[in-house]
Amino acid sequence: MALEYYLVLSALLFTTGVIGVLIRRNAIIIFMCIELMLNAANLAFVAISLSLGEATGQVFV
């Protein structure tokens, strides 16, 4: 897959997490949405590091 697909997926996951944090009032759901946002950032790190051919982004994850 191309880098753009991974970055779009990461942006969608991050946006879903932000919307969940802003809308929900349950603490457990808010923590799950924060975890979703962190996983979206991790996906972006890995996708960019794979496209650059370096393992630096994968080390952060």
Protein backbone atom coordinates (compact mmCIF):
# COMPACT_ATOMS: atom_id res chain seq x y z
CA MET A 1 0.00 0.00 0.00
CA ALA A 2 1.06 3.55 -0.56
CA LEU A 3 2.08 5.91 2.22
CA GLU A 4 -0.98 8.08 1.65
CA TYR A 5 -3.36 5.25 2.56
CA TYR A 6 -1.65 4.71 5.90
CA LEU A 7 -1.61 8.42 6.67
CA VAL A 8 -5.28 8.80 5.78
CA LEU A 9 -6.12 5.83 8.00
CA SER A 10 -4.06 7.36 10.78
CA ALA A 11 -5.84 10.70 10.39
CA LEU A 12 -9.25 9.01 10.46
CA LEU A 13 -8.38 7.08 13.60
CA PHE A 14 -7.04 10.20 15.28
CA THR A 15 -10.14 12.19 14.33
CA THR A 16 -12.39 9.44 15.67
CA GLY A 17 -10.48 9.53 18.94
CA VAL A 18 -10.75 13.31 19.24
CA ILE A 19 -14.48 13.22 18.56
CA GLY A 20 -14.89 10.47 21.13
CA VAL A 21 -13.01 12.46 23.77
CA LEU A 22 -15.08 15.57 23.11
CA ILE A 23 -18.48 13.86 23.00
CA ARG A 24 -18.35 11.08 25.60
CA ARG A 25 -18.60 11.59 29.35
CA ASN A 26 -17.69 8.08 30.53
CA ALA A 27 -14.09 7.96 31.80
CA ILE A 28 -13.37 4.49 30.40
CA ILE A 29 -14.57 5.48 26.93
CA ILE A 30 -12.47 8.66 27.08
CA PHE A 31 -9.38 6.62 27.94
CA MET A 32 -10.15 4.25 25.06
CA CYS A 33 -10.41 7.21 22.69
CA ILE A 34 -7.09 8.60 23.95
CA GLU A 35 -5.53 5.19 23.32
CA LEU A 36 -6.98 5.26 19.81
CA MET A 37 -5.35 8.64 19.22
CA LEU A 38 -1.99 7.33 20.45
CA ASN A 39 -2.26 4.29 18.19
CA ALA A 40 -3.00 6.58 15.24
CA ALA A 41 0.21 8.49 15.96
CA ASN A 42 2.12 5.20 16.19
CA LEU A 43 0.72 4.12 12.83
CA ALA A 44 1.89 7.39 11.28
CA PHE A 45 5.39 6.93 12.75
CA VAL A 46 5.68 3.41 11.35
CA ALA A 47 4.27 4.33 7.94
CA ILE A 48 6.64 7.26 7.49
CA SER A 49 9.64 5.27 8.68
CA LEU A 50 8.83 2.47 6.25
CA SER A 51 8.57 4.91 3.37
CA LEU A 52 11.92 6.47 4.28
CA GLY A 53 13.58 3.10 4.70
CA GLU A 54 14.75 3.84 8.24
CA ALA A 55 13.94 2.00 11.44
CA THR A 56 13.92 5.12 13.60
CA GLY A 57 10.13 5.52 13.58
CA GLN A 58 9.65 1.87 14.41
CA VAL A 59 11.95 2.19 17.42
CA PHE A 60 9.67 4.85 18.93
CA VAL A 61 6.72 2.49 18.73
